Amino acid sequence: MSSVIQVENLSKSYGDTKAVQGISFTVQKGEIFGIIGPNGAGKTTTIEMLEGVRKPDSGKIDVLGLEPSRQLRKLNERIGVQFQATSIQKKMKVKEALDLFESFYPRNAQKSNVIEQLSLTEKLNENFEKLSGGWKQRVTLALATLHQPEIVFLDEPSMGLDPHARRELWSMIHLLKDQGCTIVVTTHYMEEAEKLCDRVAMIYGGQLKALDTPGQLLNAMAVNNLSFQSEQLEYDTLLSLPGVLRVEQDHDTFKVFSETLQKTAYHIFNYCEDKEIALRDFKFEKGSLDDLFVHYLEKEETA
């Protein structure tokens, strides 16, 4: 599989704020590549440099063999962009917005196909301002993909959407991938990255903290956990047991993270047996990207 994006030692600062610090990665043709992290991590700055919207202070960017900050016109013919917020006149009808954007790409535009794929027919005569958040995202995705781009950049595409609309958006993104499109998406929803992306780059404080498939990242880190309930156990006691890395407590419910779950479970059972402490709903749980992200945050705070 060939790479369509290469990034080397990319950096960008705003005054004293280092938004992006020496990031390097590649994106392969046909994959859904996620850039994940909390608000203010540097995700949007990174993706905007890939799009040619912002010029990097240092480093190299190659997108489809082009340098975005120097060859933006050529690049715009081959990429699609869905920003966090797209400015469309409130009274403009969906059909009018599609017609306008189609005029920008007279050779490659496939308006009728996009309308059908995104099920926009029933909304063509509605004003943009009257659409729900989910339908607005459909329309802006349509505008970004009218010209059949090779790469689509999506910046926090599901922000503010309800769970149903979010899953509909995921289906549309997978449809683009099935058509051979490469997708680069930023998100701070860890569930979204886990469900959607082939690989993810985890960014915190402008730095690249991890890069791999969601499954490999979870396998490489001790984010699987033991979950149970007890009114008698104490947080500090669990944290002191051999092999325990982290403990989360919500009233009488505990999640214990460990490098070796089986050994940790043995120590918990041994302690509870000696102290005659009852446990309920004891189970082994598979970690999520949310757990992995908390793991990295705690490493940063203790570094």
Protein backbone atom coordinates (compact mmCIF):
# COMPACT_ATOMS: atom_id res chain seq x y z
CA MET A 1 0.00 0.00 0.00
CA SER A 2 1.48 3.36 -1.06
CA SER A 3 1.52 6.48 1.10
CA VAL A 4 -0.38 9.57 -0.06
CA ILE A 5 0.74 11.84 2.81
CA GLN A 6 4.22 12.14 4.31
CA VAL A 7 4.90 14.43 7.26
CA GLU A 8 8.40 14.96 8.69
CA ASN A 9 9.27 16.95 11.83
CA LEU A 10 6.29 19.28 11.45
CA SER A 11 6.16 22.25 13.84
CA LYS A 12 3.96 25.32 14.29
CA SER A 13 3.90 27.97 17.03
CA TYR A 14 1.65 30.93 17.82
CA GLY A 15 3.78 33.31 19.84
CA ASP A 16 4.98 31.38 22.87
CA THR A 17 2.48 28.57 22.31
CA LYS A 18 3.92 25.50 20.58
CA ALA A 19 0.82 24.10 18.89
CA VAL A 20 2.66 21.34 16.99
CA GLN A 21 6.10 20.04 17.96
CA GLY A 22 8.13 17.88 15.56
CA ILE A 23 5.37 15.53 14.40
CA SER A 24 6.13 12.85 11.79
CA PHE A 25 3.78 10.26 10.22
CA THR A 26 2.56 8.84 6.92
CA VAL A 27 -0.97 8.12 5.66
CA GLN A 28 -1.55 5.15 3.37
CA LYS A 29 -3.79 5.22 0.32
CA GLY A 30 -7.33 4.07 1.07
CA GLU A 31 -7.14 4.13 4.88
CA ILE A 32 -9.09 6.08 7.47
CA PHE A 33 -6.40 7.83 9.49
CA GLY A 34 -7.37 9.43 12.78
CA ILE A 35 -5.66 12.31 14.56
CA ILE A 36 -6.94 12.13 18.11
CA GLY A 37 -6.48 14.06 21.33
CA PRO A 38 -8.19 16.55 23.64
CA ASN A 39 -9.25 20.06 22.67
CA GLY A 40 -6.15 22.20 22.22
CA ALA A 41 -3.88 19.23 21.50
CA GLY A 42 -2.82 20.52 18.07
CA LYS A 43 -5.15 18.40 15.91
CA THR A 44 -6.76 21.20 13.93
CA THR A 45 -3.45 23.02 13.41
CA THR A 46 -1.94 19.80 12.06
CA ILE A 47 -4.76 19.06 9.63
CA GLU A 48 -4.90 22.68 8.44
CA MET A 49 -1.21 22.51 7.53
CA LEU A 50 -1.91 19.35 5.53
CA GLU A 51 -4.72 21.18 3.73
CA GLY A 52 -2.52 24.19 2.97
CA VAL A 53 -4.64 26.51 5.11
CA ARG A 54 -1.70 27.20 7.45
CA LYS A 55 1.98 27.33 6.67
CA PRO A 56 4.29 25.33 8.97
CA ASP A 57 7.19 26.99 10.76
CA SER A 58 9.40 24.01 9.96
CA GLY A 59 9.24 20.46 8.66
CA LYS A 60 8.12 18.86 5.41
CA ILE A 61 4.66 17.98 4.12
CA ASP A 62 3.95 15.97 0.97
CA VAL A 63 0.29 15.43 0.02
CA LEU A 64 -0.24 13.51 -3.23
CA GLY A 65 3.23 14.60 -4.33
CA LEU A 66 2.45 18.28 -3.70
CA GLU A 67 3.64 20.79 -1.10
CA PRO A 68 0.39 22.26 0.30
CA SER A 69 1.67 25.75 1.18
CA ARG A 70 3.23 26.22 -2.28
CA GLN A 71 0.92 24.27 -4.60
CA LEU A 72 -2.47 24.92 -3.04
CA ARG A 73 -4.41 25.41 -6.28
CA LYS A 74 -3.35 22.02 -7.64
CA LEU A 75 -3.94 20.41 -4.27
CA ASN A 76 -7.49 21.78 -3.99
CA GLU A 77 -8.43 19.95 -7.18
CA ARG A 78 -7.55 16.63 -5.57
CA ILE A 79 -8.65 16.97 -1.92
CA GLY A 80 -11.92 17.66 -0.13
CA VAL A 81 -12.22 19.47 3.19
CA GLN A 82 -14.98 19.51 5.78
CA PHE A 83 -14.11 22.13 8.38
CA GLN A 84 -15.42 22.22 11.94
CA ALA A 85 -17.76 24.99 10.80
CA THR A 86 -18.61 25.68 7.16
CA SER A 87 -20.09 29.11 6.40
CA ILE A 88 -23.17 28.72 4.21
CA GLN A 89 -25.72 31.49 3.85
CA LYS A 90 -28.65 30.73 6.13
CA LYS A 91 -31.30 31.23 3.45
CA MET A 92 -29.42 29.27 0.80
CA LYS A 93 -31.20 26.10 -0.22
CA VAL A 94 -29.32 22.82 -0.24
CA LYS A 95 -29.70 22.59 -4.02
CA GLU A 96 -28.28 26.08 -4.45
CA ALA A 97 -25.24 25.25 -2.31
CA LEU A 98 -24.61 22.10 -4.33
CA ASP A 99 -24.97 24.00 -7.62
CA LEU A 100 -22.54 26.67 -6.43
CA PHE A 101 -19.88 24.18 -5.34
CA GLU A 102 -20.39 22.12 -8.49
CA SER A 103 -19.45 25.20 -10.52
CA PHE A 104 -16.02 25.17 -8.85
CA TYR A 105 -15.25 21.74 -10.33
CA PRO A 106 -16.82 21.66 -13.82
CA ARG A 107 -14.82 18.65 -15.00
CA ASN A 108 -15.04 16.23 -12.11
CA ALA A 109 -18.23 17.13 -10.24
CA GLN A 110 -20.63 14.24 -9.64
CA LYS A 111 -23.55 16.05 -8.01
CA SER A 112 -26.25 13.52 -8.86
CA ASN A 113 -24.17 10.64 -7.47
CA VAL A 114 -23.43 12.49 -4.24
CA ILE A 115 -27.10 13.43 -3.77
CA GLU A 116 -28.07 9.79 -4.12
CA GLN A 117 -25.30 8.40 -1.93
CA LEU A 118 -26.02 10.82 0.93
CA SER A 119 -29.83 10.63 0.51
CA LEU A 120 -30.18 14.39 0.07
CA THR A 121 -33.06 14.40 -2.44
CA GLU A 122 -35.76 15.18 0.12
CA LYS A 123 -33.74 18.12 1.52
CA LEU A 124 -32.76 19.86 -1.73
CA ASN A 125 -35.32 22.67 -1.38
CA GLU A 126 -34.80 23.31 2.33
CA ASN A 127 -32.85 26.29 3.65
CA PHE A 128 -29.54 25.32 5.22
CA GLU A 129 -30.42 27.05 8.52
CA LYS A 130 -33.47 24.81 9.00
CA LEU A 131 -31.54 21.57 8.81
CA SER A 132 -30.67 19.54 11.90
CA GLY A 133 -27.03 19.12 12.87
CA GLY A 134 -26.88 15.69 11.26
CA TRP A 135 -28.31 16.92 7.96
CA LYS A 136 -25.97 19.92 7.94
CA GLN A 137 -23.05 17.52 8.26
CA ARG A 138 -24.41 15.50 5.32
CA VAL A 139 -24.61 18.63 3.19
CA THR A 140 -21.11 19.87 4.06
CA LEU A 141 -19.76 16.37 3.42
CA ALA A 142 -21.46 16.44 0.03
CA LEU A 143 -19.87 19.82 -0.75
CA ALA A 144 -16.46 18.43 0.22
CA THR A 145 -16.78 15.36 -2.03
CA LEU A 146 -18.59 16.65 -5.14
CA HIS A 147 -15.39 16.52 -7.21
CA GLN A 148 -14.47 12.96 -6.19
CA PRO A 149 -11.34 13.91 -4.23
CA GLU A 150 -8.56 11.43 -3.60
CA ILE A 151 -8.25 12.53 0.04
CA VAL A 152 -10.96 13.95 2.30
CA PHE A 153 -10.04 15.86 5.47
CA LEU A 154 -12.69 15.89 8.20
CA ASP A 155 -12.10 18.13 11.23
CA GLU A 156 -14.18 17.00 14.23
CA PRO A 157 -17.02 15.91 11.89
CA SER A 158 -19.33 14.54 14.59
CA MET A 159 -18.98 17.34 17.12
CA GLY A 160 -22.39 18.22 18.50
CA LEU A 161 -24.18 15.33 16.80
CA ASP A 162 -26.48 12.97 18.68
CA PRO A 163 -25.45 9.28 18.80
CA HIS A 164 -27.76 8.28 15.92
CA ALA A 165 -26.51 11.04 13.63
CA ARG A 166 -22.92 10.21 14.58
CA ARG A 167 -23.33 6.60 13.52
CA GLU A 168 -24.95 7.67 10.25
CA LEU A 169 -21.93 9.86 9.61
CA TRP A 170 -19.61 6.92 10.27
CA SER A 171 -21.51 4.90 7.65
CA MET A 172 -21.05 7.69 5.12
CA ILE A 173 -17.33 7.87 5.86
CA HIS A 174 -17.00 4.10 5.35
CA LEU A 175 -18.85 4.51 2.04
CA LEU A 176 -16.20 7.00 0.91
CA LYS A 177 -13.48 4.54 1.88
CA ASP A 178 -15.19 1.74 -0.07
CA GLN A 179 -15.03 4.01 -3.11
CA GLY A 180 -11.25 4.24 -2.78
CA CYS A 181 -11.00 7.55 -0.97
CA THR A 182 -8.42 8.21 1.75
CA ILE A 183 -9.86 9.93 4.83
CA VAL A 184 -7.99 11.92 7.48
CA VAL A 185 -10.21 12.71 10.46
CA THR A 186 -9.59 14.59 13.71
CA THR A 187 -11.65 13.78 16.77
CA HIS A 188 -11.60 13.97 20.54
CA TYR A 189 -14.22 11.22 20.77
CA MET A 190 -12.21 8.10 21.55
CA GLU A 191 -15.13 5.80 20.69
CA GLU A 192 -15.29 7.38 17.25
CA ALA A 193 -11.61 6.74 16.60
CA GLU A 194 -11.91 3.15 17.82
CA LYS A 195 -14.93 2.37 15.63
CA LEU A 196 -13.87 4.33 12.56
CA CYS A 197 -10.12 4.45 12.05
CA ASP A 198 -7.65 1.98 10.57
CA ARG A 199 -4.79 3.77 12.36
CA VAL A 200 -4.67 6.61 14.84
CA ALA A 201 -2.08 9.20 15.79
CA MET A 202 -2.55 10.29 19.41
CA ILE A 203 -1.49 13.90 20.00
CA TYR A 204 -1.16 15.66 23.33
CA GLY A 205 0.42 19.08 23.89
CA GLY A 206 1.37 19.29 20.22
CA GLN A 207 3.44 16.11 20.40
CA LEU A 208 2.85 12.70 18.86
CA LYS A 209 2.43 10.24 21.74
CA ALA A 210 1.42 7.07 19.89
CA LEU A 211 0.75 5.84 16.35
CA ASP A 212 -0.73 2.46 15.38
CA THR A 213 -3.99 0.64 14.83
CA PRO A 214 -6.45 1.00 17.73
CA GLY A 215 -6.10 -2.71 18.46
CA GLN A 216 -2.30 -2.66 18.54
CA LEU A 217 -2.24 0.42 20.77
CA LEU A 218 -4.54 -1.27 23.26
CA ASN A 219 -2.56 -4.51 23.16
CA ALA A 220 0.72 -2.66 23.77
CA MET A 221 -0.54 -0.81 26.83
CA ALA A 222 -1.92 -2.10 30.11
CA VAL A 223 -5.40 -0.67 29.71
CA ASN A 224 -7.39 -3.84 30.21
CA ASN A 225 -8.85 -3.88 33.68
CA LEU A 226 -10.67 -5.69 36.44
CA SER A 227 -14.10 -4.35 37.35
CA PHE A 228 -16.09 -5.15 40.49
CA GLN A 229 -18.21 -3.70 43.29
CA SER A 230 -17.52 -3.59 47.02
CA GLU A 231 -18.64 -1.37 49.90
CA GLN A 232 -15.70 -2.40 52.11
CA LEU A 233 -12.62 -2.10 49.89
CA GLU A 234 -10.65 1.14 49.90
CA TYR A 235 -8.97 2.92 47.00
CA ASP A 236 -5.53 3.10 48.68
CA THR A 237 -5.60 -0.59 49.54
CA LEU A 238 -6.18 -1.61 45.94
CA LEU A 239 -3.51 0.78 44.68
CA SER A 240 -0.95 -0.79 47.02
CA LEU A 241 -1.46 -4.33 45.71
CA PRO A 242 1.35 -5.85 43.57
CA GLY A 243 1.16 -5.00 39.86
CA VAL A 244 -1.61 -2.38 40.15
CA LEU A 245 -0.97 0.64 37.89
CA ARG A 246 -4.11 2.67 38.40
CA VAL A 247 -7.44 2.51 40.21
CA GLU A 248 -10.67 4.28 39.28
CA GLN A 249 -13.49 4.49 41.81
CA ASP A 250 -17.11 5.51 41.36
CA HIS A 251 -18.89 5.07 44.72
CA ASP A 252 -18.69 1.29 45.34
CA THR A 253 -17.56 0.39 41.78
CA PHE A 254 -13.85 -0.09 41.09
CA LYS A 255 -11.78 -0.46 37.92
CA VAL A 256 -8.26 -1.77 38.52
CA PHE A 257 -5.63 -1.45 35.76
CA SER A 258 -2.67 -3.77 35.85
CA GLU A 259 0.18 -5.15 33.77
CA THR A 260 -0.84 -8.71 34.71
CA LEU A 261 -4.57 -8.98 35.34
CA GLN A 262 -4.49 -12.61 36.43
CA LYS A 263 -1.91 -12.01 39.16
CA THR A 264 -3.68 -8.85 40.29
CA ALA A 265 -6.98 -10.71 40.48
CA TYR A 266 -5.26 -13.36 42.64
CA HIS A 267 -4.00 -10.69 45.07
CA ILE A 268 -7.42 -9.04 45.26
CA PHE A 269 -9.15 -12.35 46.00
CA ASN A 270 -6.50 -13.26 48.56
CA TYR A 271 -6.84 -9.94 50.37
CA CYS A 272 -10.63 -10.09 50.36
CA GLU A 273 -10.60 -13.68 51.60
CA ASP A 274 -8.33 -12.75 54.54
CA LYS A 275 -10.41 -9.70 55.44
CA GLU A 276 -13.76 -11.39 54.75
CA ILE A 277 -14.66 -8.72 52.21
CA ALA A 278 -17.39 -9.51 49.68
CA LEU A 279 -17.03 -8.68 45.97
CA ARG A 280 -19.83 -8.42 43.42
CA ASP A 281 -19.93 -8.45 39.62
CA PHE A 282 -16.24 -9.23 39.28
CA LYS A 283 -15.17 -9.30 35.62
CA PHE A 284 -12.29 -8.81 33.23
CA GLU A 285 -12.87 -5.86 30.86
CA LYS A 286 -11.20 -4.97 27.57
CA GLY A 287 -9.69 -1.47 27.63
CA SER A 288 -10.74 1.32 25.28
CA LEU A 289 -8.95 4.24 23.68
CA ASP A 290 -10.49 6.37 26.44
CA ASP A 291 -8.55 4.30 28.98
CA LEU A 292 -5.40 4.56 26.88
CA PHE A 293 -5.76 8.32 26.65
CA VAL A 294 -6.14 8.65 30.43
CA HIS A 295 -3.01 6.52 30.73
CA TYR A 296 -1.04 9.00 28.61
CA LEU A 297 -2.45 12.00 30.47
CA GLU A 298 -1.35 10.53 33.79
CA LYS A 299 2.12 9.82 32.40
CA GLU A 300 2.35 13.49 31.36
CA GLU A 301 1.24 14.73 34.78
CA THR A 302 3.77 12.57 36.64
CA ALA A 303 6.67 13.17 34.23
